[in-house]
Protein backbone atom coordinates (compact mmCIF):
# COMPACT_ATOMS: atom_id res chain seq x y z
CA MET A 1 30.12 5.39 -3.04
CA THR A 2 30.59 8.28 -0.66
CA ARG A 3 27.64 8.89 1.39
CA ALA A 4 28.16 13.03 0.25
CA GLN A 5 27.79 12.89 -3.21
CA PRO A 6 24.66 10.88 -4.17
CA GLU A 7 22.59 11.43 -7.59
CA ILE A 8 19.17 10.46 -5.99
CA LEU A 9 18.41 10.85 -2.32
CA ILE A 10 15.28 9.04 -1.11
CA ILE A 11 13.69 9.84 2.18
CA GLY A 12 12.02 7.29 3.66
CA GLY A 13 12.67 3.50 3.76
CA GLY A 14 9.26 1.80 3.65
CA ILE A 15 8.13 -0.61 1.01
CA ALA A 16 7.95 2.40 -1.54
CA GLY A 17 11.29 3.69 -0.84
CA ALA A 18 13.33 0.82 -0.46
CA SER A 19 11.89 -0.56 -4.13
CA ALA A 20 12.41 2.53 -5.88
CA ALA A 21 15.65 2.84 -4.41
CA ALA A 22 16.66 -0.88 -5.41
CA GLU A 23 15.44 -0.12 -8.91
CA LEU A 24 17.25 2.91 -9.33
CA ALA A 25 20.79 1.89 -7.11
CA ARG A 26 21.43 -0.24 -10.24
CA THR A 27 22.21 2.58 -12.50
CA HIS A 28 22.70 5.59 -9.95
CA ARG A 29 24.50 6.54 -6.86
CA VAL A 30 21.63 6.12 -4.29
CA LEU A 31 21.42 7.04 -0.65
CA LEU A 32 18.13 6.53 1.47
CA LEU A 33 17.53 7.72 4.67
CA GLU A 34 14.94 6.32 6.87
CA GLY A 35 14.19 8.21 9.87
CA GLU A 36 13.49 5.01 12.12
CA ASP A 37 15.72 2.87 13.61
CA ALA A 38 14.70 -0.02 11.24
CA PRO A 39 13.09 0.51 7.97
CA GLY A 40 9.27 -0.37 7.69
CA TYR A 41 8.15 0.58 10.96
CA HIS A 42 4.85 2.61 10.40
CA SER A 43 2.99 1.20 7.77
CA THR A 44 5.00 -1.66 5.90
CA GLY A 45 5.83 -3.71 9.10
CA ARG A 46 2.19 -3.50 10.33
CA SER A 47 0.69 -4.94 7.28
CA ALA A 48 -1.30 -7.92 6.60
CA ALA A 49 -0.84 -7.68 2.99
CA VAL A 50 -3.03 -9.20 -0.02
CA PHE A 51 -2.37 -9.43 -3.43
CA SER A 52 -6.07 -8.81 -5.03
CA GLU A 53 -6.59 -7.51 -8.77
CA SER A 54 -9.89 -6.14 -7.75
CA TYR A 55 -8.65 -4.16 -5.01
CA GLY A 56 -8.83 -0.30 -5.26
CA ASN A 57 -9.67 2.05 -7.42
CA GLN A 58 -8.47 1.64 -11.40
CA ALA A 59 -5.49 3.02 -10.86
CA VAL A 60 -4.39 0.78 -7.99
CA ARG A 61 -5.64 -1.95 -9.82
CA ALA A 62 -3.94 -1.55 -13.00
CA LEU A 63 -0.66 -1.18 -10.93
CA THR A 64 -1.57 -4.54 -9.02
CA ARG A 65 -1.76 -6.18 -12.15
CA ALA A 66 1.45 -5.01 -13.64
CA SER A 67 3.10 -6.63 -10.21
CA ARG A 68 1.48 -10.12 -10.95
CA ASP A 69 4.49 -11.35 -12.64
CA PHE A 70 6.84 -10.48 -10.06
CA PHE A 71 5.10 -11.86 -6.93
CA HIS A 72 4.60 -15.19 -8.57
CA SER A 73 8.13 -15.50 -10.27
CA PRO A 74 10.82 -13.31 -8.12
CA SER A 75 14.23 -13.74 -9.28
CA ALA A 76 16.66 -15.90 -7.23
CA GLU A 77 18.54 -12.76 -6.92
CA PHE A 78 15.60 -11.24 -5.17
CA SER A 79 14.35 -13.74 -2.77
CA PRO A 80 14.78 -17.65 -2.49
CA PHE A 81 11.45 -17.78 -0.56
CA PRO A 82 8.06 -17.80 -2.76
CA LEU A 83 6.38 -14.23 -2.31
CA ILE A 84 2.86 -15.05 -2.27
CA LYS A 85 0.52 -17.64 -1.09
CA ARG A 86 -2.74 -18.78 -3.11
CA ARG A 87 -5.49 -17.34 -0.68
CA GLY A 88 -8.83 -16.34 -2.42
CA TRP A 89 -11.09 -13.36 -1.61
CA LEU A 90 -14.69 -13.41 -1.39
CA HIS A 91 -17.01 -10.47 -1.60
CA VAL A 92 -20.13 -10.69 -0.05
CA ALA A 93 -23.56 -8.47 0.36
CA SER A 94 -27.05 -8.98 1.93
CA LEU A 95 -29.86 -8.27 0.41
CA ALA A 96 -29.63 -4.50 1.33
CA GLN A 97 -26.46 -4.66 -0.54
CA ALA A 98 -27.24 -6.07 -3.62
CA SER A 99 -26.87 -3.07 -5.97
CA ALA A 100 -23.32 -2.36 -4.34
CA LEU A 101 -22.55 -6.41 -5.48
CA GLU A 102 -24.15 -5.63 -9.09
CA SER A 103 -21.64 -2.53 -9.72
CA PHE A 104 -18.82 -4.17 -8.63
CA LEU A 105 -19.14 -7.11 -10.79
CA ALA A 106 -19.85 -4.90 -13.82
CA MET A 107 -17.02 -3.05 -13.96
CA GLU A 108 -14.81 -3.99 -16.86
CA ASP A 109 -11.35 -5.02 -15.29
CA VAL A 110 -12.83 -6.63 -12.26
CA ALA A 111 -15.55 -8.77 -14.13
CA PRO A 112 -13.01 -11.00 -15.62
CA ARG A 113 -10.95 -11.49 -12.54
CA VAL A 114 -13.99 -12.66 -10.46
CA ARG A 115 -17.31 -14.62 -10.52
CA ARG A 116 -20.10 -14.48 -8.88
CA THR A 117 -21.31 -16.84 -6.20
CA ILE A 118 -24.91 -17.84 -4.93
CA THR A 119 -25.22 -17.73 -1.58
CA GLU A 120 -24.67 -21.78 -0.62
CA GLU A 121 -21.57 -21.20 -2.44
CA ALA A 122 -20.64 -18.35 -0.50
CA LEU A 123 -21.18 -19.99 2.85
CA ALA A 124 -19.29 -23.36 1.90
CA LEU A 125 -16.21 -21.12 0.88
CA SER A 126 -16.38 -19.11 4.53
CA PRO A 127 -18.21 -21.47 6.27
CA LEU A 128 -18.38 -18.76 9.40
CA LEU A 129 -20.24 -16.57 7.85
CA ARG A 130 -24.18 -16.32 8.59
CA PRO A 131 -26.74 -16.68 5.98
CA GLU A 132 -27.76 -13.39 5.87
CA THR A 133 -24.27 -12.08 5.47
CA ALA A 134 -24.39 -13.56 1.90
CA ALA A 135 -28.24 -13.50 1.04
CA ALA A 136 -27.27 -11.45 -1.99
CA GLY A 137 -24.20 -13.82 -2.94
CA GLY A 138 -20.93 -12.73 -3.50
CA ALA A 139 -17.97 -12.52 -6.05
CA TYR A 140 -14.78 -14.50 -5.64
CA GLU A 141 -11.59 -13.73 -6.63
CA GLU A 142 -9.70 -17.32 -6.71
CA ASP A 143 -6.21 -16.37 -7.98
CA ALA A 144 -5.48 -13.79 -4.96
CA GLY A 145 -2.75 -14.53 -2.65
CA ASP A 146 -1.29 -13.44 0.99
CA ILE A 147 2.22 -11.39 0.41
CA ASP A 148 5.02 -12.59 2.53
CA VAL A 149 5.40 -8.49 3.35
CA HIS A 150 9.03 -9.07 5.24
CA ALA A 151 10.34 -11.14 2.39
CA LEU A 152 9.11 -8.45 0.13
CA HIS A 153 10.60 -5.77 1.71
CA GLN A 154 14.03 -7.51 2.81
CA GLY A 155 14.59 -8.67 -0.88
CA TYR A 156 14.76 -4.53 -1.92
CA LEU A 157 16.41 -3.71 1.47
CA ARG A 158 19.00 -6.57 0.28
CA LEU A 159 19.49 -5.05 -3.23
CA LEU A 160 19.61 -1.61 -2.24
CA ARG A 161 22.66 -2.47 -0.09
CA ARG A 162 24.03 -4.16 -2.75
CA TYR A 163 23.95 -1.14 -5.09
CA GLY A 164 23.63 1.54 -2.74
CA THR A 165 23.42 3.24 0.63
CA MET A 166 20.83 3.13 3.50
CA LEU A 167 21.28 4.89 6.67
CA THR A 168 18.77 4.65 9.70
CA GLY A 169 18.17 7.08 12.73
CA ALA A 170 18.09 9.70 9.66
CA HIS A 171 15.09 11.71 10.96
CA VAL A 172 15.06 14.86 8.17
CA THR A 173 14.86 18.12 9.71
CA ALA A 174 15.38 20.96 6.49
CA VAL A 175 15.37 20.72 2.66
CA ALA A 176 16.30 23.19 0.47
CA ARG A 177 17.12 23.63 -3.36
CA THR A 178 20.90 24.96 -3.46
CA GLY A 179 21.78 25.44 -7.24
CA LYS A 180 20.83 22.52 -9.27
CA LYS A 181 21.24 20.03 -6.04
CA TRP A 182 18.90 19.45 -2.91
CA THR A 183 20.62 19.77 0.30
CA VAL A 184 19.11 17.65 2.77
CA GLU A 185 19.71 18.08 6.70
CA SER A 186 19.34 15.04 9.00
CA THR A 187 20.53 13.65 12.21
CA ALA A 188 22.72 11.56 10.53
CA GLY A 189 24.27 13.94 8.40
CA SER A 190 23.86 16.83 5.40
CA PHE A 191 23.67 15.51 1.86
CA GLN A 192 23.35 16.69 -1.16
CA ALA A 193 21.88 15.37 -4.73
CA PRO A 194 19.91 16.65 -7.90
CA VAL A 195 17.08 14.42 -7.50
CA VAL A 196 15.32 14.08 -4.19
CA ILE A 197 12.31 11.35 -4.08
CA ASN A 198 9.81 11.58 -1.22
CA ALA A 199 8.64 8.47 0.09
CA ALA A 200 7.75 9.41 3.52
CA GLY A 201 4.56 7.92 4.04
CA ALA A 202 2.30 9.60 6.22
CA TRP A 203 4.75 12.51 6.10
CA ALA A 204 4.90 12.99 2.70
CA ASP A 205 3.27 16.32 2.76
CA ARG A 206 5.84 17.65 5.94
CA ILE A 207 8.39 16.50 3.74
CA ALA A 208 7.14 18.55 0.67
CA MET A 209 6.81 21.93 3.29
CA LEU A 210 10.39 21.43 4.37
CA ALA A 211 11.45 21.47 0.87
CA GLY A 212 9.01 24.66 -0.20
CA VAL A 213 6.90 22.59 -2.43
CA ALA A 214 2.93 22.69 -2.11
CA PRO A 215 1.66 19.89 -0.12
CA LYS A 216 -0.77 17.64 -2.24
CA ARG A 217 -3.15 16.84 1.05
CA ILE A 218 -2.11 13.17 1.64
CA GLN A 219 -3.62 12.07 4.70
CA ALA A 220 -2.65 9.59 7.34
CA CYS A 221 -5.67 7.39 8.26
CA ARG A 222 -5.66 4.73 11.17
CA ARG A 223 -6.21 1.21 10.17
CA THR A 224 -6.82 -1.90 12.91
CA ALA A 225 -6.25 -5.12 12.92
CA VAL A 226 -7.00 -7.92 15.69
CA LEU A 227 -5.93 -11.27 15.99
CA LEU A 228 -8.69 -13.76 17.62
CA GLU A 229 -8.39 -16.91 19.41
CA LEU A 230 -11.93 -18.80 18.40
CA ALA A 231 -13.47 -21.73 20.56
CA GLY A 232 -13.21 -24.97 19.14
CA ASP A 233 -11.71 -26.45 16.31
CA GLU A 234 -13.72 -24.34 13.46
CA MET A 235 -10.28 -22.70 11.69
CA SER A 236 -8.99 -23.87 8.56
CA ASP A 237 -6.25 -21.92 6.44
CA ALA A 238 -8.23 -22.80 3.26
CA TRP A 239 -10.90 -20.39 3.62
CA PRO A 240 -10.65 -17.22 1.58
CA LEU A 241 -10.51 -13.59 2.61
CA THR A 242 -13.83 -12.81 3.09
CA ILE A 243 -14.65 -8.90 2.71
CA ASP A 244 -18.18 -7.09 3.14
CA ILE A 245 -18.90 -5.75 -0.39
CA GLU A 246 -18.91 -1.80 0.81
CA GLU A 247 -15.41 -2.76 3.33
CA ALA A 248 -17.25 -2.44 6.76
CA TYR A 249 -14.99 -5.43 7.66
CA TYR A 250 -12.83 -8.48 6.67
CA PHE A 251 -11.53 -11.28 8.03
CA LYS A 252 -9.06 -14.11 7.26
CA PRO A 253 -7.40 -17.28 9.06
CA ASP A 254 -4.04 -16.41 9.85
CA ALA A 255 -1.70 -19.24 11.88
CA GLY A 256 -4.60 -20.69 13.54
CA LEU A 257 -6.37 -17.41 14.51
CA LEU A 258 -8.82 -15.33 12.71
CA LEU A 259 -7.49 -11.85 11.93
CA ILE A 260 -10.23 -8.94 11.34
CA SER A 261 -10.41 -5.25 10.87
CA PRO A 262 -13.03 -2.69 10.81
CA ALA A 263 -11.49 -1.47 7.70
CA ASP A 264 -11.22 1.52 9.60
CA GLU A 265 -9.56 4.80 7.97
CA THR A 266 -9.47 7.45 10.49
CA PRO A 267 -8.13 10.33 9.83
CA ILE A 268 -5.32 11.13 12.01
CA GLU A 269 -1.70 13.12 12.36
CA PRO A 270 1.45 11.33 11.43
CA CYS A 271 2.44 9.43 14.60
CA ASP A 272 3.16 5.69 16.07
CA VAL A 273 0.07 4.90 15.91
CA GLN A 274 -1.79 2.29 18.12
CA PRO A 275 -5.29 0.64 18.22
CA GLU A 276 -8.07 2.54 20.22
CA GLU A 277 -10.08 0.85 22.02
CA ILE A 278 -13.32 1.72 20.24
CA ASP A 279 -11.83 0.15 16.88
CA VAL A 280 -11.09 -3.19 18.61
CA ALA A 281 -14.50 -3.46 19.67
CA THR A 282 -16.26 -2.25 16.55
CA ALA A 283 -14.32 -5.02 14.63
CA ILE A 284 -15.13 -7.47 17.01
CA ASP A 285 -19.31 -6.30 16.95
CA ARG A 286 -19.30 -6.05 13.04
CA VAL A 287 -17.54 -9.77 12.57
CA GLU A 288 -19.98 -11.26 15.40
CA ARG A 289 -22.88 -9.62 13.27
CA ALA A 290 -21.25 -11.04 10.14
CA THR A 291 -20.29 -14.33 11.41
CA LEU A 292 -21.29 -17.39 13.43
CA ALA A 293 -17.97 -17.15 15.09
CA ALA A 294 -17.38 -18.08 18.83
CA ILE A 295 -14.59 -15.72 19.89
CA LYS A 296 -12.56 -17.01 23.19
CA ARG A 297 -10.09 -14.36 23.42
CA VAL A 298 -8.21 -11.55 21.62
CA ARG A 299 -4.91 -12.31 21.10
CA ARG A 300 -3.71 -9.42 19.83
CA SER A 301 -4.25 -5.73 18.45
CA TRP A 302 -2.39 -3.18 16.37
CA ALA A 303 -2.69 -0.35 13.99
CA GLY A 304 -0.84 0.85 11.17
CA LEU A 305 -0.90 4.23 9.16
CA ARG A 306 -2.58 4.23 5.46
CA THR A 307 -2.12 7.09 3.63
CA PHE A 308 -4.54 8.88 0.46
CA ALA A 309 -4.18 11.51 -1.71
CA PRO A 310 -7.58 13.27 -2.20
CA ASP A 311 -8.60 11.06 -5.07
CA ARG A 312 -7.14 7.77 -3.54
CA SER A 313 -4.91 6.96 -6.45
CA PRO A 314 -0.77 6.85 -5.81
CA VAL A 315 1.38 10.08 -5.92
CA ILE A 316 4.23 9.49 -8.42
CA GLY A 317 6.35 11.89 -10.53
CA PHE A 318 8.19 15.07 -10.73
CA ASP A 319 6.37 18.10 -8.94
CA ASP A 320 5.87 20.53 -11.77
CA GLY A 321 6.80 23.63 -9.67
CA ALA A 322 10.40 21.94 -7.96
CA PRO A 323 12.98 20.89 -10.41
CA GLY A 324 14.32 17.67 -9.35
CA PHE A 325 11.81 16.79 -6.08
CA PHE A 326 9.89 13.31 -7.08
CA TRP A 327 6.84 12.20 -5.25
CA LEU A 328 6.00 8.52 -4.39
CA ALA A 329 3.32 8.69 -1.86
CA GLY A 330 -0.11 8.33 -1.19
CA GLN A 331 -0.32 4.38 -1.66
CA GLY A 332 -3.09 3.77 0.48
CA GLY A 333 -3.27 0.11 2.34
CA TYR A 334 -2.24 -1.00 -1.74
CA GLY A 335 1.59 0.02 -1.70
CA ILE A 336 2.86 -3.63 -0.66
CA GLN A 337 0.78 -5.61 -3.78
CA THR A 338 1.60 -2.54 -6.43
CA ALA A 339 5.14 -2.39 -4.93
CA PRO A 340 7.07 -3.86 -8.10
CA ALA A 341 5.20 -1.63 -10.77
CA VAL A 342 5.43 1.10 -8.87
CA SER A 343 9.07 1.22 -8.26
CA ALA A 344 9.68 0.49 -11.86
CA LEU A 345 7.55 3.23 -12.88
CA ALA A 346 9.12 5.44 -10.96
CA ALA A 347 12.49 4.26 -11.58
CA ALA A 348 11.44 5.13 -15.90
CA LEU A 349 10.08 8.38 -14.97
CA VAL A 350 13.43 9.57 -13.09
CA ARG A 351 15.63 7.70 -15.71
CA ALA A 352 13.27 9.61 -18.62
CA GLU A 353 13.18 6.13 -19.72
CA ALA A 354 10.19 4.31 -21.26
CA ALA A 355 7.79 2.33 -18.64
CA PRO A 356 8.43 -1.40 -18.90
CA PRO A 357 6.59 -3.44 -20.88
CA ALA A 358 4.26 -4.79 -18.01
CA LEU A 359 3.11 -0.96 -17.99
CA ALA A 360 2.87 -0.20 -21.39
CA SER A 361 -1.05 0.70 -21.46
CA PHE A 362 -0.87 2.30 -18.16
CA ASP A 363 -1.12 6.34 -18.35
CA PRO A 364 1.46 8.00 -15.67
CA ALA A 365 -0.63 10.93 -15.46
CA THR A 366 -3.14 9.18 -13.86
CA VAL A 367 -0.72 9.38 -11.27
CA SER A 368 1.48 12.44 -11.60
CA PRO A 369 1.36 14.75 -8.89
CA VAL A 370 0.57 17.67 -11.79
CA ARG A 371 -2.99 16.31 -11.28
CA PHE A 372 -3.47 18.49 -8.64
CA ALA A 373 -2.47 21.84 -9.97
CA LYS A 374 -4.90 24.34 -10.51
CA PRO A 375 -6.32 25.22 -13.80
CA ARG A 376 -4.93 29.08 -14.25
CA GLN A 377 -7.87 31.37 -14.78
CA SER A 378 -8.00 33.23 -17.92
CA ARG A 379 -7.75 37.25 -18.45
CA GLY A 380 -10.45 38.81 -17.24
CA SER A 381 -11.94 35.89 -15.22
CA HIS A 382 -13.39 36.91 -11.76
């Protein structure tokens, strides 16, 4: 393929852009532009991703379920290594959080995937917990797991390079509709294509505004992670990821250390985000209050970007006001675990094909950018 004549131009090389590019490059000439020197720098490469069918809102949970088979049985072409390692998820609730736990257990698509645990079982599964932290019990999702983010991302990039083209260091500076094509100016050159896919993550609204397309109020948020060394030999890799039922914190074993997070979602301008001391301190304080962990030292801390649309569902589909402009953004913290289904859905929508069988019951309207359109006022209304 020649760089100047792609049929589909994708902006952003994180998990969203890479996975969509790999899917579409089998049938179209695809060019992916990544602004950084390496793809996945801001979010994908900083994700401690897990697979949980009980995590996220209803649309996210549905897309996660549709991704399960891919993670557990990747093709030999995609990855020679396993993509997922089983790790249970344990939601815990104090007595004050009992109603939140009941609401969680009552959700129709969550109930079959978790089991209620009494306090004693919660403490046996996650021995660091203080008894009062799980005084109302918990909900255990046994069939969750840790995702090998690097293997997943590299698998998609490998397929993209086989069938299409990627340019790094290609910061987009202008986007304009020219006849029936989009012209994208970047620091790596000028390119045209009939379809532009906006997979720019935290910068998705900025790319839209460059193109004269109405933004979708996609907000970048900072999420902090901390790796702790504990005193003594109290760590076990068999422990589940343990998460507060109201998501005030979570922690899990990580190569002999304890990975913790205050589950922060601090609104921030898109940037090379760094951890704030207050968020690191908050994470440690919350975990110390919830557990008996004897913290020896902080080994490392970092922050990544999570981006959310106002309703916290992804934004996937063609913009109704800009022909050929396709949104693939707003994955929040769920972009890794939903990538197989999201990329398959995006490819089907771009090709104007039926969704694959795993998504047969999924309504694309729930994630379409059209859902943000303001209803037209009838004549005579004020």
